[in-house]
């Protein structure tokens, strides 16, 4: 087995009103390109999509959207996310949603690095 070190920086914002902090948290990372991973319909219907999009634009954060994550995400969808992240030279993955979105985002992030 090869020896290695792995450092994974994860910041989870959870709870009422925390969505307003997303732009500022990403801005701290400076000069990064973000892959925004989410499910779809409920994010848009709730207004969260618009709120986050506004923050990213207001903070001049460059991002690509990757929506459509379903419950129990498929490996093919994750692989498509990896391809997109590599093509777009993504540095940061932003997951907005529940467990499946978070799982897909983690798999994409690891897949890009591997």
PDB file of N, CA and C in Angstrom:
ATOM      1  N   UNK A   1       0.836  -1.177   0.000  1.00  0.00           N
ATOM      2  CA  UNK A   1       0.000   0.000   0.000  1.00  0.00           C
ATOM      3  C   UNK A   1       0.882   1.241   0.000  1.00  0.00           C
ATOM      4  N   UNK A   2       0.530   2.217  -0.820  1.00  0.00           N
ATOM      5  CA  UNK A   2       1.264   3.470  -0.859  1.00  0.00           C
ATOM      6  C   UNK A   2       0.891   4.324   0.342  1.00  0.00           C
ATOM      7  N   UNK A   3       1.872   5.041   0.857  1.00  0.00           N
ATOM      8  CA  UNK A   3       1.613   5.974   1.948  1.00  0.00           C
ATOM      9  C   UNK A   3       1.165   7.309   1.377  1.00  0.00           C
ATOM     10  N   UNK A   4       0.269   7.987   2.069  1.00  0.00           N
ATOM     11  CA  UNK A   4      -0.172   9.307   1.628  1.00  0.00           C
ATOM     12  C   UNK A   4      -0.797  10.058   2.787  1.00  0.00           C
ATOM     13  N   UNK A   5      -0.959  11.355   2.590  1.00  0.00           N
ATOM     14  CA  UNK A   5      -1.681  12.210   3.533  1.00  0.00           C
ATOM     15  C   UNK A   5      -2.859  12.811   2.800  1.00  0.00           C
ATOM     16  N   UNK A   6      -3.982  12.925   3.470  1.00  0.00           N
ATOM     17  CA  UNK A   6      -5.181  13.489   2.868  1.00  0.00           C
ATOM     18  C   UNK A   6      -5.778  14.495   3.840  1.00  0.00           C
ATOM     19  N   UNK A   7      -5.958  15.703   3.363  1.00  0.00           N
ATOM     20  CA  UNK A   7      -6.614  16.737   4.150  1.00  0.00           C
ATOM     21  C   UNK A   7      -7.873  17.149   3.405  1.00  0.00           C
ATOM     22  N   UNK A   8      -8.998  17.024   4.057  1.00  0.00           N
ATOM     23  CA  UNK A   8     -10.258  17.369   3.428  1.00  0.00           C
ATOM     24  C   UNK A   8     -10.874  18.515   4.218  1.00  0.00           C
ATOM     25  N   UNK A   9     -10.992  19.641   3.551  1.00  0.00           N
ATOM     26  CA  UNK A   9     -11.577  20.822   4.179  1.00  0.00           C
ATOM     27  C   UNK A   9     -13.055  20.882   3.822  1.00  0.00           C
ATOM     28  N   UNK A  10     -13.900  20.746   4.802  1.00  0.00           N
ATOM     29  CA  UNK A  10     -15.336  20.783   4.583  1.00  0.00           C
ATOM     30  C   UNK A  10     -15.959  21.770   5.552  1.00  0.00           C
ATOM     31  N   UNK A  11     -16.805  22.634   5.026  1.00  0.00           N
ATOM     32  CA  UNK A  11     -17.513  23.584   5.864  1.00  0.00           C
ATOM     33  C   UNK A  11     -18.998  23.369   5.618  1.00  0.00           C
ATOM     34  N   UNK A  12     -19.725  22.999   6.650  1.00  0.00           N
ATOM     35  CA  UNK A  12     -21.159  22.740   6.533  1.00  0.00           C
ATOM     36  C   UNK A  12     -21.913  23.888   7.191  1.00  0.00           C
ATOM     37  N   UNK A  13     -22.776  24.534   6.415  1.00  0.00           N
ATOM     38  CA  UNK A  13     -23.663  25.573   6.948  1.00  0.00           C
ATOM     39  C   UNK A  13     -25.051  24.960   7.001  1.00  0.00           C
ATOM     40  N   UNK A  14     -25.640  24.938   8.173  1.00  0.00           N
ATOM     41  CA  UNK A  14     -26.928  24.273   8.335  1.00  0.00           C
ATOM     42  C   UNK A  14     -27.815  25.113   9.237  1.00  0.00           C
ATOM     43  N   UNK A  15     -29.056  25.276   8.857  1.00  0.00           N
ATOM     44  CA  UNK A  15     -30.024  25.941   9.714  1.00  0.00           C
ATOM     45  C   UNK A  15     -30.631  27.178   9.077  1.00  0.00           C
ATOM     46  N   UNK A  16     -31.621  27.701   9.738  1.00  0.00           N
ATOM     47  CA  UNK A  16     -32.363  28.849   9.247  1.00  0.00           C
ATOM     48  C   UNK A  16     -31.456  30.065   9.069  1.00  0.00           C
ATOM     49  N   UNK A  17     -31.542  30.682   7.904  1.00  0.00           N
ATOM     50  CA  UNK A  17     -30.787  31.894   7.624  1.00  0.00           C
ATOM     51  C   UNK A  17     -29.350  31.692   7.191  1.00  0.00           C
ATOM     52  N   UNK A  18     -28.844  30.486   7.295  1.00  0.00           N
ATOM     53  CA  UNK A  18     -27.440  30.238   6.973  1.00  0.00           C
ATOM     54  C   UNK A  18     -27.148  30.352   5.479  1.00  0.00           C
ATOM     55  N   UNK A  19     -28.177  30.242   4.654  1.00  0.00           N
ATOM     56  CA  UNK A  19     -27.989  30.318   3.209  1.00  0.00           C
ATOM     57  C   UNK A  19     -27.391  31.661   2.813  1.00  0.00           C
ATOM     58  N   UNK A  20     -27.654  32.688   3.607  1.00  0.00           N
ATOM     59  CA  UNK A  20     -27.129  34.022   3.309  1.00  0.00           C
ATOM     60  C   UNK A  20     -25.619  34.123   3.515  1.00  0.00           C
ATOM     61  N   UNK A  21     -25.001  33.100   4.089  1.00  0.00           N
ATOM     62  CA  UNK A  21     -23.562  33.101   4.343  1.00  0.00           C
ATOM     63  C   UNK A  21     -22.759  32.406   3.249  1.00  0.00           C
ATOM     64  N   UNK A  22     -23.434  31.760   2.321  1.00  0.00           N
ATOM     65  CA  UNK A  22     -22.749  30.940   1.313  1.00  0.00           C
ATOM     66  C   UNK A  22     -21.771  31.761   0.485  1.00  0.00           C
ATOM     67  N   UNK A  23     -22.218  32.889  -0.029  1.00  0.00           N
ATOM     68  CA  UNK A  23     -21.349  33.723  -0.861  1.00  0.00           C
ATOM     69  C   UNK A  23     -20.100  34.176  -0.129  1.00  0.00           C
ATOM     70  N   UNK A  24     -20.265  34.628   1.106  1.00  0.00           N
ATOM     71  CA  UNK A  24     -19.125  35.093   1.898  1.00  0.00           C
ATOM     72  C   UNK A  24     -18.144  33.957   2.186  1.00  0.00           C
ATOM     73  N   UNK A  25     -18.658  32.775   2.467  1.00  0.00           N
ATOM     74  CA  UNK A  25     -17.780  31.633   2.729  1.00  0.00           C
ATOM     75  C   UNK A  25     -16.965  31.275   1.486  1.00  0.00           C
ATOM     76  N   UNK A  26     -17.630  31.279   0.331  1.00  0.00           N
ATOM     77  CA  UNK A  26     -16.916  30.965  -0.899  1.00  0.00           C
ATOM     78  C   UNK A  26     -15.921  32.065  -1.259  1.00  0.00           C
ATOM     79  N   UNK A  27     -16.272  33.291  -0.969  1.00  0.00           N
ATOM     80  CA  UNK A  27     -15.388  34.409  -1.287  1.00  0.00           C
ATOM     81  C   UNK A  27     -14.078  34.320  -0.507  1.00  0.00           C
ATOM     82  N   UNK A  28     -14.117  33.751   0.677  1.00  0.00           N
ATOM     83  CA  UNK A  28     -12.902  33.574   1.482  1.00  0.00           C
ATOM     84  C   UNK A  28     -11.870  32.719   0.751  1.00  0.00           C
ATOM     85  N   UNK A  29     -12.335  31.859  -0.134  1.00  0.00           N
ATOM     86  CA  UNK A  29     -11.433  30.960  -0.852  1.00  0.00           C
ATOM     87  C   UNK A  29     -10.716  31.658  -1.999  1.00  0.00           C
ATOM     88  N   UNK A  30     -11.170  32.793  -2.409  1.00  0.00           N
ATOM     89  CA  UNK A  30     -10.597  33.656  -3.449  1.00  0.00           C
ATOM     90  C   UNK A  30     -10.061  32.928  -4.674  1.00  0.00           C
ATOM     91  N   UNK A  31     -10.257  33.540  -5.796  1.00  0.00           N
ATOM     92  CA  UNK A  31      -9.752  33.059  -7.082  1.00  0.00           C
ATOM     93  C   UNK A  31     -10.032  31.573  -7.330  1.00  0.00           C
ATOM     94  N   UNK A  32     -11.193  31.147  -6.979  1.00  0.00           N
ATOM     95  CA  UNK A  32     -11.583  29.751  -7.163  1.00  0.00           C
ATOM     96  C   UNK A  32     -12.783  29.672  -8.082  1.00  0.00           C
ATOM     97  N   UNK A  33     -12.911  28.555  -8.763  1.00  0.00           N
ATOM     98  CA  UNK A  33     -14.081  28.306  -9.591  1.00  0.00           C
ATOM     99  C   UNK A  33     -14.901  27.206  -8.925  1.00  0.00           C
ATOM    100  N   UNK A  34     -16.179  27.449  -8.799  1.00  0.00           N
ATOM    101  CA  UNK A  34     -17.068  26.601  -8.020  1.00  0.00           C
ATOM    102  C   UNK A  34     -17.950  25.741  -8.922  1.00  0.00           C
ATOM    103  N   UNK A  35     -18.093  24.472  -8.559  1.00  0.00           N
ATOM    104  CA  UNK A  35     -19.097  23.600  -9.154  1.00  0.00           C
ATOM    105  C   UNK A  35     -20.232  23.505  -8.143  1.00  0.00           C
ATOM    106  N   UNK A  36     -21.390  24.035  -8.511  1.00  0.00           N
ATOM    107  CA  UNK A  36     -22.554  24.067  -7.643  1.00  0.00           C
ATOM    108  C   UNK A  36     -23.417  22.852  -7.955  1.00  0.00           C
ATOM    109  N   UNK A  37     -23.476  21.902  -7.037  1.00  0.00           N
ATOM    110  CA  UNK A  37     -24.196  20.643  -7.205  1.00  0.00           C
ATOM    111  C   UNK A  37     -25.508  20.715  -6.421  1.00  0.00           C
ATOM    112  N   UNK A  38     -26.603  20.364  -7.091  1.00  0.00           N
ATOM    113  CA  UNK A  38     -27.902  20.389  -6.420  1.00  0.00           C
ATOM    114  C   UNK A  38     -28.857  19.411  -7.099  1.00  0.00           C
ATOM    115  N   UNK A  39     -30.013  19.234  -6.480  1.00  0.00           N
ATOM    116  CA  UNK A  39     -31.018  18.335  -7.031  1.00  0.00           C
ATOM    117  C   UNK A  39     -31.795  18.981  -8.155  1.00  0.00           C
ATOM    118  N   UNK A  40     -32.706  19.836  -7.828  1.00  0.00           N
ATOM    119  CA  UNK A  40     -33.452  20.485  -8.899  1.00  0.00           C
ATOM    120  C   UNK A  40     -34.702  21.190  -8.477  1.00  0.00           C
ATOM    121  N   UNK A  41     -35.820  20.505  -8.618  1.00  0.00           N
ATOM    122  CA  UNK A  41     -37.128  21.129  -8.510  1.00  0.00           C
ATOM    123  C   UNK A  41     -37.361  21.827  -7.167  1.00  0.00           C
ATOM    124  N   UNK A  42     -37.109  21.171  -6.070  1.00  0.00           N
ATOM    125  CA  UNK A  42     -37.415  21.765  -4.765  1.00  0.00           C
ATOM    126  C   UNK A  42     -36.525  22.977  -4.479  1.00  0.00           C
ATOM    127  N   UNK A  43     -35.283  22.938  -4.934  1.00  0.00           N
ATOM    128  CA  UNK A  43     -34.375  24.072  -4.727  1.00  0.00           C
ATOM    129  C   UNK A  43     -34.902  25.299  -5.467  1.00  0.00           C
ATOM    130  N   UNK A  44     -35.399  25.089  -6.656  1.00  0.00           N
ATOM    131  CA  UNK A  44     -35.920  26.205  -7.452  1.00  0.00           C
ATOM    132  C   UNK A  44     -37.272  26.675  -6.909  1.00  0.00           C
ATOM    133  N   UNK A  45     -38.151  25.742  -6.548  1.00  0.00           N
ATOM    134  CA  UNK A  45     -39.472  26.104  -6.036  1.00  0.00           C
ATOM    135  C   UNK A  45     -39.391  26.841  -4.702  1.00  0.00           C
ATOM    136  N   UNK A  46     -38.409  26.517  -3.896  1.00  0.00           N
ATOM    137  CA  UNK A  46     -38.271  27.140  -2.577  1.00  0.00           C
ATOM    138  C   UNK A  46     -37.660  28.532  -2.639  1.00  0.00           C
ATOM    139  N   UNK A  47     -37.068  28.878  -3.766  1.00  0.00           N
ATOM    140  CA  UNK A  47     -36.401  30.177  -3.888  1.00  0.00           C
ATOM    141  C   UNK A  47     -34.928  30.138  -3.519  1.00  0.00           C
ATOM    142  N   UNK A  48     -34.447  29.005  -3.046  1.00  0.00           N
ATOM    143  CA  UNK A  48     -33.037  28.896  -2.656  1.00  0.00           C
ATOM    144  C   UNK A  48     -32.103  29.031  -3.850  1.00  0.00           C
ATOM    145  N   UNK A  49     -32.517  28.503  -4.987  1.00  0.00           N
ATOM    146  CA  UNK A  49     -31.683  28.597  -6.182  1.00  0.00           C
ATOM    147  C   UNK A  49     -31.418  30.064  -6.521  1.00  0.00           C
ATOM    148  N   UNK A  50     -32.476  30.853  -6.518  1.00  0.00           N
ATOM    149  CA  UNK A  50     -32.350  32.283  -6.829  1.00  0.00           C
ATOM    150  C   UNK A  50     -31.491  32.992  -5.789  1.00  0.00           C
ATOM    151  N   UNK A  51     -31.685  32.666  -4.520  1.00  0.00           N
ATOM    152  CA  UNK A  51     -30.918  33.311  -3.447  1.00  0.00           C
ATOM    153  C   UNK A  51     -29.427  33.015  -3.565  1.00  0.00           C
ATOM    154  N   UNK A  52     -29.090  31.778  -3.845  1.00  0.00           N
ATOM    155  CA  UNK A  52     -27.674  31.415  -3.962  1.00  0.00           C
ATOM    156  C   UNK A  52     -27.081  32.012  -5.227  1.00  0.00           C
ATOM    157  N   UNK A  53     -27.809  31.918  -6.319  1.00  0.00           N
ATOM    158  CA  UNK A  53     -27.331  32.482  -7.581  1.00  0.00           C
ATOM    159  C   UNK A  53     -27.041  33.984  -7.415  1.00  0.00           C
ATOM    160  N   UNK A  54     -27.919  34.685  -6.733  1.00  0.00           N
ATOM    161  CA  UNK A  54     -27.727  36.120  -6.474  1.00  0.00           C
ATOM    162  C   UNK A  54     -26.447  36.366  -5.678  1.00  0.00           C
ATOM    163  N   UNK A  55     -26.232  35.560  -4.643  1.00  0.00           N
ATOM    164  CA  UNK A  55     -25.022  35.715  -3.829  1.00  0.00           C
ATOM    165  C   UNK A  55     -23.758  35.479  -4.640  1.00  0.00           C
ATOM    166  N   UNK A  56     -23.772  34.430  -5.444  1.00  0.00           N
ATOM    167  CA  UNK A  56     -22.587  34.114  -6.244  1.00  0.00           C
ATOM    168  C   UNK A  56     -22.280  35.236  -7.229  1.00  0.00           C
ATOM    169  N   UNK A  57     -23.307  35.758  -7.862  1.00  0.00           N
ATOM    170  CA  UNK A  57     -23.104  36.880  -8.788  1.00  0.00           C
ATOM    171  C   UNK A  57     -22.648  38.132  -8.040  1.00  0.00           C
ATOM    172  N   UNK A  58     -23.297  38.433  -6.908  1.00  0.00           N
ATOM    173  CA  UNK A  58     -22.941  39.628  -6.130  1.00  0.00           C
ATOM    174  C   UNK A  58     -21.496  39.596  -5.634  1.00  0.00           C
ATOM    175  N   UNK A  59     -21.006  38.405  -5.321  1.00  0.00           N
ATOM    176  CA  UNK A  59     -19.633  38.255  -4.811  1.00  0.00           C
ATOM    177  C   UNK A  59     -18.638  37.999  -5.945  1.00  0.00           C
ATOM    178  N   UNK A  60     -19.121  38.041  -7.189  1.00  0.00           N
ATOM    179  CA  UNK A  60     -18.277  37.823  -8.379  1.00  0.00           C
ATOM    180  C   UNK A  60     -17.577  36.468  -8.337  1.00  0.00           C
ATOM    181  N   UNK A  61     -18.323  35.465  -7.916  1.00  0.00           N
ATOM    182  CA  UNK A  61     -17.800  34.105  -7.844  1.00  0.00           C
ATOM    183  C   UNK A  61     -18.124  33.395  -9.152  1.00  0.00           C
ATOM    184  N   UNK A  62     -17.106  32.849  -9.791  1.00  0.00           N
ATOM    185  CA  UNK A  62     -17.285  32.118 -11.047  1.00  0.00           C
ATOM    186  C   UNK A  62     -17.770  30.711 -10.701  1.00  0.00           C
ATOM    187  N   UNK A  63     -18.835  30.287 -11.357  1.00  0.00           N
ATOM    188  CA  UNK A  63     -19.394  28.979 -11.013  1.00  0.00           C
ATOM    189  C   UNK A  63     -20.024  28.310 -12.218  1.00  0.00           C
ATOM    190  N   UNK A  64     -20.126  27.000 -12.119  1.00  0.00           N
ATOM    191  CA  UNK A  64     -20.860  26.166 -13.059  1.00  0.00           C
ATOM    192  C   UNK A  64     -21.918  25.426 -12.246  1.00  0.00           C
ATOM    193  N   UNK A  65     -23.100  25.299 -12.799  1.00  0.00           N
ATOM    194  CA  UNK A  65     -24.170  24.563 -12.128  1.00  0.00           C
ATOM    195  C   UNK A  65     -24.185  23.113 -12.602  1.00  0.00           C
ATOM    196  N   UNK A  66     -24.439  22.209 -11.658  1.00  0.00           N
ATOM    197  CA  UNK A  66     -24.617  20.806 -11.999  1.00  0.00           C
ATOM    198  C   UNK A  66     -25.795  20.274 -11.188  1.00  0.00           C
ATOM    199  N   UNK A  67     -26.975  20.420 -11.749  1.00  0.00           N
ATOM    200  CA  UNK A  67     -28.194  19.992 -11.087  1.00  0.00           C
ATOM    201  C   UNK A  67     -28.633  18.608 -11.521  1.00  0.00           C
ATOM    202  N   UNK A  68     -29.774  18.229 -11.020  1.00  0.00           N
ATOM    203  CA  UNK A  68     -30.362  16.957 -11.422  1.00  0.00           C
ATOM    204  C   UNK A  68     -29.969  15.759 -10.585  1.00  0.00           C
ATOM    205  N   UNK A  69     -29.326  15.990  -9.448  1.00  0.00           N
ATOM    206  CA  UNK A  69     -28.985  14.857  -8.578  1.00  0.00           C
ATOM    207  C   UNK A  69     -30.276  14.261  -8.038  1.00  0.00           C
ATOM    208  N   UNK A  70     -30.412  12.960  -8.189  1.00  0.00           N
ATOM    209  CA  UNK A  70     -31.598  12.255  -7.715  1.00  0.00           C
ATOM    210  C   UNK A  70     -31.264  11.505  -6.424  1.00  0.00           C
ATOM    211  N   UNK A  71     -32.315  11.047  -5.747  1.00  0.00           N
ATOM    212  CA  UNK A  71     -32.103  10.211  -4.570  1.00  0.00           C
ATOM    213  C   UNK A  71     -31.258   9.004  -4.975  1.00  0.00           C
ATOM    214  N   UNK A  72     -30.318   8.637  -4.159  1.00  0.00           N
ATOM    215  CA  UNK A  72     -29.378   7.563  -4.474  1.00  0.00           C
ATOM    216  C   UNK A  72     -28.705   7.827  -5.822  1.00  0.00           C
ATOM    217  N   UNK A  73     -27.843   8.834  -5.874  1.00  0.00           N
ATOM    218  CA  UNK A  73     -27.251   9.251  -7.150  1.00  0.00           C
ATOM    219  C   UNK A  73     -26.550   8.108  -7.873  1.00  0.00           C
ATOM    220  N   UNK A  74     -26.655   8.145  -9.181  1.00  0.00           N
ATOM    221  CA  UNK A  74     -26.050   7.093  -9.998  1.00  0.00           C
ATOM    222  C   UNK A  74     -24.589   7.419 -10.278  1.00  0.00           C
ATOM    223  N   UNK A  75     -23.805   6.389 -10.511  1.00  0.00           N
ATOM    224  CA  UNK A  75     -22.394   6.571 -10.822  1.00  0.00           C
ATOM    225  C   UNK A  75     -22.241   7.307 -12.152  1.00  0.00           C
ATOM    226  N   UNK A  76     -23.162   7.091 -13.088  1.00  0.00           N
ATOM    227  CA  UNK A  76     -23.062   7.786 -14.374  1.00  0.00           C
ATOM    228  C   UNK A  76     -23.238   9.300 -14.197  1.00  0.00           C
ATOM    229  N   UNK A  77     -24.137   9.692 -13.325  1.00  0.00           N
ATOM    230  CA  UNK A  77     -24.329  11.126 -13.066  1.00  0.00           C
ATOM    231  C   UNK A  77     -23.094  11.710 -12.381  1.00  0.00           C
ATOM    232  N   UNK A  78     -22.545  10.981 -11.446  1.00  0.00           N
ATOM    233  CA  UNK A  78     -21.323  11.427 -10.771  1.00  0.00           C
ATOM    234  C   UNK A  78     -20.183  11.548 -11.782  1.00  0.00           C
ATOM    235  N   UNK A  79     -20.040  10.566 -12.651  1.00  0.00           N
ATOM    236  CA  UNK A  79     -18.967  10.617 -13.662  1.00  0.00           C
ATOM    237  C   UNK A  79     -19.132  11.814 -14.591  1.00  0.00           C
ATOM    238  N   UNK A  80     -20.360  12.144 -14.948  1.00  0.00           N
ATOM    239  CA  UNK A  80     -20.605  13.334 -15.777  1.00  0.00           C
ATOM    240  C   UNK A  80     -20.175  14.595 -15.023  1.00  0.00           C
ATOM    241  N   UNK A  81     -20.426  14.618 -13.719  1.00  0.00           N
ATOM    242  CA  UNK A  81     -19.996  15.744 -12.888  1.00  0.00           C
ATOM    243  C   UNK A  81     -18.480  15.854 -12.827  1.00  0.00           C
ATOM    244  N   UNK A  82     -17.805  14.728 -12.765  1.00  0.00           N
ATOM    245  CA  UNK A  82     -16.339  14.716 -12.750  1.00  0.00           C
ATOM    246  C   UNK A  82     -15.803  15.280 -14.061  1.00  0.00           C
ATOM    247  N   UNK A  83     -16.377  14.846 -15.175  1.00  0.00           N
ATOM    248  CA  UNK A  83     -15.956  15.348 -16.493  1.00  0.00           C
ATOM    249  C   UNK A  83     -16.148  16.865 -16.554  1.00  0.00           C
ATOM    250  N   UNK A  84     -17.309  17.339 -16.137  1.00  0.00           N
ATOM    251  CA  UNK A  84     -17.586  18.772 -16.149  1.00  0.00           C
ATOM    252  C   UNK A  84     -16.589  19.533 -15.274  1.00  0.00           C
ATOM    253  N   UNK A  85     -16.354  19.018 -14.079  1.00  0.00           N
ATOM    254  CA  UNK A  85     -15.430  19.687 -13.153  1.00  0.00           C
ATOM    255  C   UNK A  85     -14.019  19.757 -13.728  1.00  0.00           C
ATOM    256  N   UNK A  86     -13.582  18.717 -14.371  1.00  0.00           N
ATOM    257  CA  UNK A  86     -12.251  18.719 -14.981  1.00  0.00           C
ATOM    258  C   UNK A  86     -12.191  19.683 -16.161  1.00  0.00           C
ATOM    259  N   UNK A  87     -13.216  19.662 -17.005  1.00  0.00           N
ATOM    260  CA  UNK A  87     -13.248  20.548 -18.174  1.00  0.00           C
ATOM    261  C   UNK A  87     -13.244  22.017 -17.756  1.00  0.00           C
ATOM    262  N   UNK A  88     -13.963  22.318 -16.708  1.00  0.00           N
ATOM    263  CA  UNK A  88     -14.119  23.704 -16.260  1.00  0.00           C
ATOM    264  C   UNK A  88     -13.060  24.129 -15.235  1.00  0.00           C
ATOM    265  N   UNK A  89     -12.118  23.241 -14.948  1.00  0.00           N
ATOM    266  CA  UNK A  89     -11.038  23.540 -13.986  1.00  0.00           C
ATOM    267  C   UNK A  89     -11.597  23.995 -12.632  1.00  0.00           C
ATOM    268  N   UNK A  90     -12.508  23.189 -12.121  1.00  0.00           N
ATOM    269  CA  UNK A  90     -13.181  23.487 -10.853  1.00  0.00           C
ATOM    270  C   UNK A  90     -12.218  23.280  -9.685  1.00  0.00           C
ATOM    271  N   UNK A  91     -12.277  24.215  -8.731  1.00  0.00           N
ATOM    272  CA  UNK A  91     -11.455  24.133  -7.523  1.00  0.00           C
ATOM    273  C   UNK A  91     -12.265  23.787  -6.280  1.00  0.00           C
ATOM    274  N   UNK A  92     -13.544  24.152  -6.287  1.00  0.00           N
ATOM    275  CA  UNK A  92     -14.389  24.023  -5.103  1.00  0.00           C
ATOM    276  C   UNK A  92     -15.717  23.411  -5.517  1.00  0.00           C
ATOM    277  N   UNK A  93     -16.234  22.499  -4.704  1.00  0.00           N
ATOM    278  CA  UNK A  93     -17.551  21.914  -4.957  1.00  0.00           C
ATOM    279  C   UNK A  93     -18.499  22.392  -3.862  1.00  0.00           C
ATOM    280  N   UNK A  94     -19.601  23.005  -4.280  1.00  0.00           N
ATOM    281  CA  UNK A  94     -20.636  23.495  -3.379  1.00  0.00           C
ATOM    282  C   UNK A  94     -21.850  22.587  -3.517  1.00  0.00           C
ATOM    283  N   UNK A  95     -22.207  21.885  -2.452  1.00  0.00           N
ATOM    284  CA  UNK A  95     -23.394  21.022  -2.449  1.00  0.00           C
ATOM    285  C   UNK A  95     -24.516  21.758  -1.734  1.00  0.00           C
ATOM    286  N   UNK A  96     -25.648  21.909  -2.400  1.00  0.00           N
ATOM    287  CA  UNK A  96     -26.802  22.546  -1.776  1.00  0.00           C
ATOM    288  C   UNK A  96     -27.966  21.573  -1.895  1.00  0.00           C
ATOM    289  N   UNK A  97     -28.303  20.964  -0.786  1.00  0.00           N
ATOM    290  CA  UNK A  97     -29.384  19.988  -0.785  1.00  0.00           C
ATOM    291  C   UNK A  97     -29.203  19.000   0.347  1.00  0.00           C
ATOM    292  N   UNK A  98     -29.836  17.865   0.192  1.00  0.00           N
ATOM    293  CA  UNK A  98     -29.806  16.844   1.228  1.00  0.00           C
ATOM    294  C   UNK A  98     -28.681  15.835   1.049  1.00  0.00           C
ATOM    295  N   UNK A  99     -28.867  14.691   1.639  1.00  0.00           N
ATOM    296  CA  UNK A  99     -27.830  13.661   1.677  1.00  0.00           C
ATOM    297  C   UNK A  99     -27.368  13.184   0.319  1.00  0.00           C
ATOM    298  N   UNK A 100     -28.287  13.004  -0.612  1.00  0.00           N
ATOM    299  CA  UNK A 100     -27.897  12.525  -1.944  1.00  0.00           C
ATOM    300  C   UNK A 100     -27.052  13.558  -2.675  1.00  0.00           C
ATOM    301  N   UNK A 101     -27.424  14.823  -2.546  1.00  0.00           N
ATOM    302  CA  UNK A 101     -26.639  15.892  -3.173  1.00  0.00           C
ATOM    303  C   UNK A 101     -25.250  15.945  -2.545  1.00  0.00           C
ATOM    304  N   UNK A 102     -25.198  15.844  -1.239  1.00  0.00           N
ATOM    305  CA  UNK A 102     -23.903  15.873  -0.553  1.00  0.00           C
ATOM    306  C   UNK A 102     -23.061  14.666  -0.966  1.00  0.00           C
ATOM    307  N   UNK A 103     -23.670  13.499  -1.044  1.00  0.00           N
ATOM    308  CA  UNK A 103     -22.936  12.307  -1.472  1.00  0.00           C
ATOM    309  C   UNK A 103     -22.396  12.464  -2.890  1.00  0.00           C
ATOM    310  N   UNK A 104     -23.227  12.968  -3.797  1.00  0.00           N
ATOM    311  CA  UNK A 104     -22.791  13.161  -5.184  1.00  0.00           C
ATOM    312  C   UNK A 104     -21.650  14.172  -5.247  1.00  0.00           C
ATOM    313  N   UNK A 105     -21.773  15.261  -4.506  1.00  0.00           N
ATOM    314  CA  UNK A 105     -20.735  16.291  -4.511  1.00  0.00           C
ATOM    315  C   UNK A 105     -19.406  15.747  -3.970  1.00  0.00           C
ATOM    316  N   UNK A 106     -19.481  14.953  -2.914  1.00  0.00           N
ATOM    317  CA  UNK A 106     -18.249  14.351  -2.364  1.00  0.00           C
ATOM    318  C   UNK A 106     -17.620  13.417  -3.380  1.00  0.00           C
ATOM    319  N   UNK A 107     -18.437  12.611  -4.029  1.00  0.00           N
ATOM    320  CA  UNK A 107     -17.905  11.672  -5.029  1.00  0.00           C
ATOM    321  C   UNK A 107     -17.282  12.415  -6.213  1.00  0.00           C
ATOM    322  N   UNK A 108     -17.901  13.495  -6.635  1.00  0.00           N
ATOM    323  CA  UNK A 108     -17.349  14.300  -7.726  1.00  0.00           C
ATOM    324  C   UNK A 108     -16.011  14.886  -7.294  1.00  0.00           C
ATOM    325  N   UNK A 109     -15.952  15.454  -6.123  1.00  0.00           N
ATOM    326  CA  UNK A 109     -14.710  16.063  -5.633  1.00  0.00           C
ATOM    327  C   UNK A 109     -13.581  15.043  -5.568  1.00  0.00           C
ATOM    328  N   UNK A 110     -13.871  13.877  -5.046  1.00  0.00           N
ATOM    329  CA  UNK A 110     -12.843  12.820  -4.969  1.00  0.00           C
ATOM    330  C   UNK A 110     -12.473  12.345  -6.366  1.00  0.00           C
ATOM    331  N   UNK A 111     -13.464  12.185  -7.219  1.00  0.00           N
ATOM    332  CA  UNK A 111     -13.213  11.723  -8.588  1.00  0.00           C
ATOM    333  C   UNK A 111     -12.326  12.667  -9.379  1.00  0.00           C
ATOM    334  N   UNK A 112     -12.496  13.964  -9.185  1.00  0.00           N
ATOM    335  CA  UNK A 112     -11.651  14.948  -9.875  1.00  0.00           C
ATOM    336  C   UNK A 112     -10.207  14.796  -9.414  1.00  0.00           C
ATOM    337  N   UNK A 113     -10.027  14.590  -8.137  1.00  0.00           N
ATOM    338  CA  UNK A 113      -8.676  14.480  -7.574  1.00  0.00           C
ATOM    339  C   UNK A 113      -8.002  13.160  -7.939  1.00  0.00           C
ATOM    340  N   UNK A 114      -8.790  12.145  -8.261  1.00  0.00           N
ATOM    341  CA  UNK A 114      -8.225  10.820  -8.557  1.00  0.00           C
ATOM    342  C   UNK A 114      -8.256  10.567 -10.034  1.00  0.00           C
TER     343      UNK A 114
END
